C-alpha atoms as a PDB file:
ATOM      1  CA  UNK A   1       7.106  14.564  24.416  1.00  0.00           C
ATOM      2  CA  UNK A   2       9.466  13.679  27.228  1.00  0.00           C
ATOM      3  CA  UNK A   3       8.369  11.239  29.880  1.00  0.00           C
ATOM      4  CA  UNK A   4       7.395  12.865  33.301  1.00  0.00           C
ATOM      5  CA  UNK A   5       7.621   9.796  35.407  1.00  0.00           C
ATOM      6  CA  UNK A   6      10.659   9.205  37.424  1.00  0.00           C
ATOM      7  CA  UNK A   7      11.900   5.527  37.362  1.00  0.00           C
ATOM      8  CA  UNK A   8      10.886   3.664  40.557  1.00  0.00           C
ATOM      9  CA  UNK A   9      13.416   4.310  43.372  1.00  0.00           C
ATOM     10  CA  UNK A  10      13.743   5.368  46.926  1.00  0.00           C
ATOM     11  CA  UNK A  11      14.490   8.903  45.685  1.00  0.00           C
ATOM     12  CA  UNK A  12      11.513   9.227  43.557  1.00  0.00           C
ATOM     13  CA  UNK A  13       9.316   7.728  46.190  1.00  0.00           C
ATOM     14  CA  UNK A  14      10.663  10.128  48.968  1.00  0.00           C
ATOM     15  CA  UNK A  15      10.649  13.361  46.908  1.00  0.00           C
ATOM     16  CA  UNK A  16       9.135  16.274  48.774  1.00  0.00           C
ATOM     17  CA  UNK A  17       7.635  18.042  45.696  1.00  0.00           C
ATOM     18  CA  UNK A  18       6.440  16.003  42.770  1.00  0.00           C
ATOM     19  CA  UNK A  19       4.314  18.531  41.082  1.00  0.00           C
ATOM     20  CA  UNK A  20       4.359  18.807  37.396  1.00  0.00           C
ATOM     21  CA  UNK A  21       5.238  22.456  36.419  1.00  0.00           C
ATOM     22  CA  UNK A  22       3.344  24.221  33.589  1.00  0.00           C
ATOM     23  CA  UNK A  23       4.884  24.395  30.145  1.00  0.00           C
ATOM     24  CA  UNK A  24       6.468  27.765  29.467  1.00  0.00           C
ATOM     25  CA  UNK A  25       4.029  29.653  27.107  1.00  0.00           C
ATOM     26  CA  UNK A  26       5.345  33.236  27.146  1.00  0.00           C
ATOM     27  CA  UNK A  27       8.449  35.130  26.361  1.00  0.00           C
ATOM     28  CA  UNK A  28      10.731  35.895  29.345  1.00  0.00           C
ATOM     29  CA  UNK A  29      13.246  38.471  29.860  1.00  0.00           C
ATOM     30  CA  UNK A  30      16.261  36.987  31.968  1.00  0.00           C
ATOM     31  CA  UNK A  31      19.788  37.551  32.486  1.00  0.00           C
ATOM     32  CA  UNK A  32      20.707  33.909  32.358  1.00  0.00           C
ATOM     33  CA  UNK A  33      18.756  30.788  31.293  1.00  0.00           C
ATOM     34  CA  UNK A  34      19.751  27.432  32.613  1.00  0.00           C
ATOM     35  CA  UNK A  35      18.674  24.329  30.871  1.00  0.00           C
ATOM     36  CA  UNK A  36      18.366  21.255  33.027  1.00  0.00           C
ATOM     37  CA  UNK A  37      17.489  20.896  36.757  1.00  0.00           C
ATOM     38  CA  UNK A  38      20.202  18.472  37.737  1.00  0.00           C
ATOM     39  CA  UNK A  39      22.783  19.264  40.470  1.00  0.00           C
ATOM     40  CA  UNK A  40      24.947  21.437  37.983  1.00  0.00           C
ATOM     41  CA  UNK A  41      21.873  23.373  36.545  1.00  0.00           C
ATOM     42  CA  UNK A  42      20.306  24.028  39.959  1.00  0.00           C
ATOM     43  CA  UNK A  43      23.565  24.865  41.659  1.00  0.00           C
ATOM     44  CA  UNK A  44      24.522  27.258  38.870  1.00  0.00           C
ATOM     45  CA  UNK A  45      21.043  28.847  38.959  1.00  0.00           C
ATOM     46  CA  UNK A  46      21.169  29.332  42.876  1.00  0.00           C
ATOM     47  CA  UNK A  47      24.667  30.753  42.736  1.00  0.00           C
ATOM     48  CA  UNK A  48      23.774  33.167  40.106  1.00  0.00           C
ATOM     49  CA  UNK A  49      20.395  34.196  41.797  1.00  0.00           C
ATOM     50  CA  UNK A  50      22.284  34.789  45.091  1.00  0.00           C
ATOM     51  CA  UNK A  51      24.688  37.059  43.210  1.00  0.00           C
ATOM     52  CA  UNK A  52      21.730  39.142  42.044  1.00  0.00           C
ATOM     53  CA  UNK A  53      21.099  37.753  38.498  1.00  0.00           C
ATOM     54  CA  UNK A  54      17.614  37.162  37.216  1.00  0.00           C
ATOM     55  CA  UNK A  55      17.744  33.401  36.363  1.00  0.00           C
ATOM     56  CA  UNK A  56      15.194  31.305  34.394  1.00  0.00           C
ATOM     57  CA  UNK A  57      15.604  27.523  34.737  1.00  0.00           C
ATOM     58  CA  UNK A  58      14.047  25.185  32.143  1.00  0.00           C
ATOM     59  CA  UNK A  59      13.546  21.423  32.347  1.00  0.00           C
ATOM     60  CA  UNK A  60      12.114  18.995  29.871  1.00  0.00           C
ATOM     61  CA  UNK A  61      10.935  16.487  32.440  1.00  0.00           C
ATOM     62  CA  UNK A  62      10.958  16.835  36.254  1.00  0.00           C
ATOM     63  CA  UNK A  63      13.500  18.496  38.621  1.00  0.00           C
ATOM     64  CA  UNK A  64      16.380  16.030  38.964  1.00  0.00           C
ATOM     65  CA  UNK A  65      14.987  13.693  36.363  1.00  0.00           C
ATOM     66  CA  UNK A  66      18.273  12.516  34.924  1.00  0.00           C
ATOM     67  CA  UNK A  67      21.491  11.239  36.578  1.00  0.00           C
ATOM     68  CA  UNK A  68      21.216  13.772  39.442  1.00  0.00           C
ATOM     69  CA  UNK A  69      18.017  12.027  40.654  1.00  0.00           C
ATOM     70  CA  UNK A  70      19.231   8.601  40.279  1.00  0.00           C
ATOM     71  CA  UNK A  71      22.353   8.375  42.242  1.00  0.00           C
ATOM     72  CA  UNK A  72      22.919   7.190  45.762  1.00  0.00           C
ATOM     73  CA  UNK A  73      22.915  10.791  47.174  1.00  0.00           C
ATOM     74  CA  UNK A  74      26.202  10.529  49.285  1.00  0.00           C
ATOM     75  CA  UNK A  75      28.472  13.337  49.840  1.00  0.00           C
ATOM     76  CA  UNK A  76      31.923  11.759  49.236  1.00  0.00           C
ATOM     77  CA  UNK A  77      34.887  14.080  49.853  1.00  0.00           C
ATOM     78  CA  UNK A  78      37.492  12.368  47.720  1.00  0.00           C
ATOM     79  CA  UNK A  79      38.654  12.052  44.267  1.00  0.00           C
ATOM     80  CA  UNK A  80      39.056   9.014  41.895  1.00  0.00           C
ATOM     81  CA  UNK A  81      42.816   9.204  42.553  1.00  0.00           C
ATOM     82  CA  UNK A  82      44.500   9.560  45.924  1.00  0.00           C
ATOM     83  CA  UNK A  83      46.083  12.783  47.126  1.00  0.00           C
ATOM     84  CA  UNK A  84      49.656  11.332  46.920  1.00  0.00           C
ATOM     85  CA  UNK A  85      48.982  10.340  43.202  1.00  0.00           C
ATOM     86  CA  UNK A  86      47.689  14.005  42.601  1.00  0.00           C
ATOM     87  CA  UNK A  87      50.840  15.495  44.210  1.00  0.00           C
ATOM     88  CA  UNK A  88      53.250  13.107  42.475  1.00  0.00           C
ATOM     89  CA  UNK A  89      51.777  13.597  39.010  1.00  0.00           C
ATOM     90  CA  UNK A  90      50.827  17.427  39.284  1.00  0.00           C
ATOM     91  CA  UNK A  91      52.971  18.787  41.979  1.00  0.00           C
ATOM     92  CA  UNK A  92      52.661  19.951  45.638  1.00  0.00           C
ATOM     93  CA  UNK A  93      50.838  23.245  44.928  1.00  0.00           C
ATOM     94  CA  UNK A  94      48.130  21.575  42.847  1.00  0.00           C
ATOM     95  CA  UNK A  95      47.850  18.846  45.446  1.00  0.00           C
ATOM     96  CA  UNK A  96      47.513  21.451  48.146  1.00  0.00           C
ATOM     97  CA  UNK A  97      44.720  23.246  46.297  1.00  0.00           C
ATOM     98  CA  UNK A  98      42.822  19.889  45.522  1.00  0.00           C
ATOM     99  CA  UNK A  99      43.294  18.856  49.091  1.00  0.00           C
ATOM    100  CA  UNK A 100      41.633  22.127  50.338  1.00  0.00           C
ATOM    101  CA  UNK A 101      38.949  22.054  47.741  1.00  0.00           C
ATOM    102  CA  UNK A 102      37.868  18.334  48.418  1.00  0.00           C
ATOM    103  CA  UNK A 103      35.486  19.163  51.335  1.00  0.00           C
ATOM    104  CA  UNK A 104      34.090  22.332  49.831  1.00  0.00           C
ATOM    105  CA  UNK A 105      31.331  20.571  47.875  1.00  0.00           C
ATOM    106  CA  UNK A 106      29.860  19.056  51.107  1.00  0.00           C
ATOM    107  CA  UNK A 107      30.081  22.405  52.825  1.00  0.00           C
ATOM    108  CA  UNK A 108      28.200  24.101  50.117  1.00  0.00           C
ATOM    109  CA  UNK A 109      25.431  21.448  50.124  1.00  0.00           C
ATOM    110  CA  UNK A 110      25.124  21.624  53.827  1.00  0.00           C
ATOM    111  CA  UNK A 111      24.846  25.458  53.614  1.00  0.00           C
ATOM    112  CA  UNK A 112      21.973  25.142  51.026  1.00  0.00           C
ATOM    113  CA  UNK A 113      20.151  22.747  53.300  1.00  0.00           C
ATOM    114  CA  UNK A 114      20.613  25.103  56.245  1.00  0.00           C
ATOM    115  CA  UNK A 115      19.952  28.468  54.477  1.00  0.00           C
ATOM    116  CA  UNK A 116      17.041  27.283  52.340  1.00  0.00           C
ATOM    117  CA  UNK A 117      15.543  25.039  55.068  1.00  0.00           C
ATOM    118  CA  UNK A 118      15.635  22.015  52.624  1.00  0.00           C
ATOM    119  CA  UNK A 119      13.812  19.041  54.146  1.00  0.00           C
ATOM    120  CA  UNK A 120      15.974  16.127  53.307  1.00  0.00           C
ATOM    121  CA  UNK A 121      17.571  13.119  54.984  1.00  0.00           C
ATOM    122  CA  UNK A 122      21.045  14.729  55.305  1.00  0.00           C
ATOM    123  CA  UNK A 123      23.305  12.563  57.516  1.00  0.00           C
ATOM    124  CA  UNK A 124      26.847  13.406  58.440  1.00  0.00           C
ATOM    125  CA  UNK A 125      29.706  10.861  58.138  1.00  0.00           C
ATOM    126  CA  UNK A 126      30.596   8.006  55.898  1.00  0.00           C
ATOM    127  CA  UNK A 127      32.800   4.949  55.778  1.00  0.00           C
ATOM    128  CA  UNK A 128      35.688   3.836  53.625  1.00  0.00           C
ATOM    129  CA  UNK A 129      35.997   0.111  54.526  1.00  0.00           C
ATOM    130  CA  UNK A 130      39.003  -2.262  54.364  1.00  0.00           C
ATOM    131  CA  UNK A 131      38.528  -5.997  53.811  1.00  0.00           C
ATOM    132  CA  UNK A 132      42.059  -6.924  54.747  1.00  0.00           C
ATOM    133  CA  UNK A 133      45.177  -5.842  56.650  1.00  0.00           C
ATOM    134  CA  UNK A 134      46.746  -4.349  53.556  1.00  0.00           C
ATOM    135  CA  UNK A 135      43.767  -2.255  52.850  1.00  0.00           C
ATOM    136  CA  UNK A 136      43.519  -1.270  56.452  1.00  0.00           C
ATOM    137  CA  UNK A 137      47.209  -0.010  56.124  1.00  0.00           C
ATOM    138  CA  UNK A 138      46.279   2.004  52.913  1.00  0.00           C
ATOM    139  CA  UNK A 139      43.407   3.655  54.739  1.00  0.00           C
ATOM    140  CA  UNK A 140      45.766   4.623  57.524  1.00  0.00           C
ATOM    141  CA  UNK A 141      48.086   6.179  55.009  1.00  0.00           C
ATOM    142  CA  UNK A 142      45.118   8.035  53.292  1.00  0.00           C
ATOM    143  CA  UNK A 143      43.969   9.305  56.719  1.00  0.00           C
ATOM    144  CA  UNK A 144      47.313  10.868  57.185  1.00  0.00           C
ATOM    145  CA  UNK A 145      47.221  12.528  53.723  1.00  0.00           C
ATOM    146  CA  UNK A 146      43.856  13.941  54.289  1.00  0.00           C
ATOM    147  CA  UNK A 147      45.009  15.340  57.630  1.00  0.00           C
ATOM    148  CA  UNK A 148      48.018  16.936  56.031  1.00  0.00           C
ATOM    149  CA  UNK A 149      45.616  18.826  53.935  1.00  0.00           C
ATOM    150  CA  UNK A 150      43.781  20.113  56.908  1.00  0.00           C
ATOM    151  CA  UNK A 151      40.894  17.639  57.294  1.00  0.00           C
ATOM    152  CA  UNK A 152      40.477  16.664  60.826  1.00  0.00           C
ATOM    153  CA  UNK A 153      37.792  14.575  62.561  1.00  0.00           C
ATOM    154  CA  UNK A 154      38.591  11.439  60.603  1.00  0.00           C
ATOM    155  CA  UNK A 155      38.476   8.202  62.669  1.00  0.00           C
ATOM    156  CA  UNK A 156      40.329   5.110  61.804  1.00  0.00           C
ATOM    157  CA  UNK A 157      38.196   2.179  63.295  1.00  0.00           C
ATOM    158  CA  UNK A 158      39.875  -1.385  63.592  1.00  0.00           C
ATOM    159  CA  UNK A 159      38.134  -4.594  63.266  1.00  0.00           C
ATOM    160  CA  UNK A 160      37.440  -4.752  67.046  1.00  0.00           C
ATOM    161  CA  UNK A 161      36.085  -1.311  67.274  1.00  0.00           C
ATOM    162  CA  UNK A 162      33.479  -1.934  64.558  1.00  0.00           C
ATOM    163  CA  UNK A 163      32.160  -5.163  65.927  1.00  0.00           C
END
């Protein structure tokens, strides 16, 4: 029998709905069955339901029990590699598509929050910090790369501005 208790965390303590759902006892007819209620499972189920499919979602524990319920919860609009690396190794066309797609996940999440009136602590913004002049110069270059891919509204704050 799987455990039903989330590990102690801010996210578990601040969850809006902690009810234990009943165990499935009957046969269901469904178009699609999703197993797992992490980000991928829930997002897939929601997109399919919005498209008109009858979706059933199964979870062995609690909603968001695994890694999806244990992360920091930030919307980070970047990749593990910088855009210049992607363009250099995969070409300008791939870089252009990846650059356009980078912010799409955040837009989807904000739409979910708005359209489904999700009561959460959604805050806009984020910080990439530099600890020295070289890193600050790198951030300046990254900002220019993101702007080249159409992402405006990025502010570069120097040491004096952040004091």
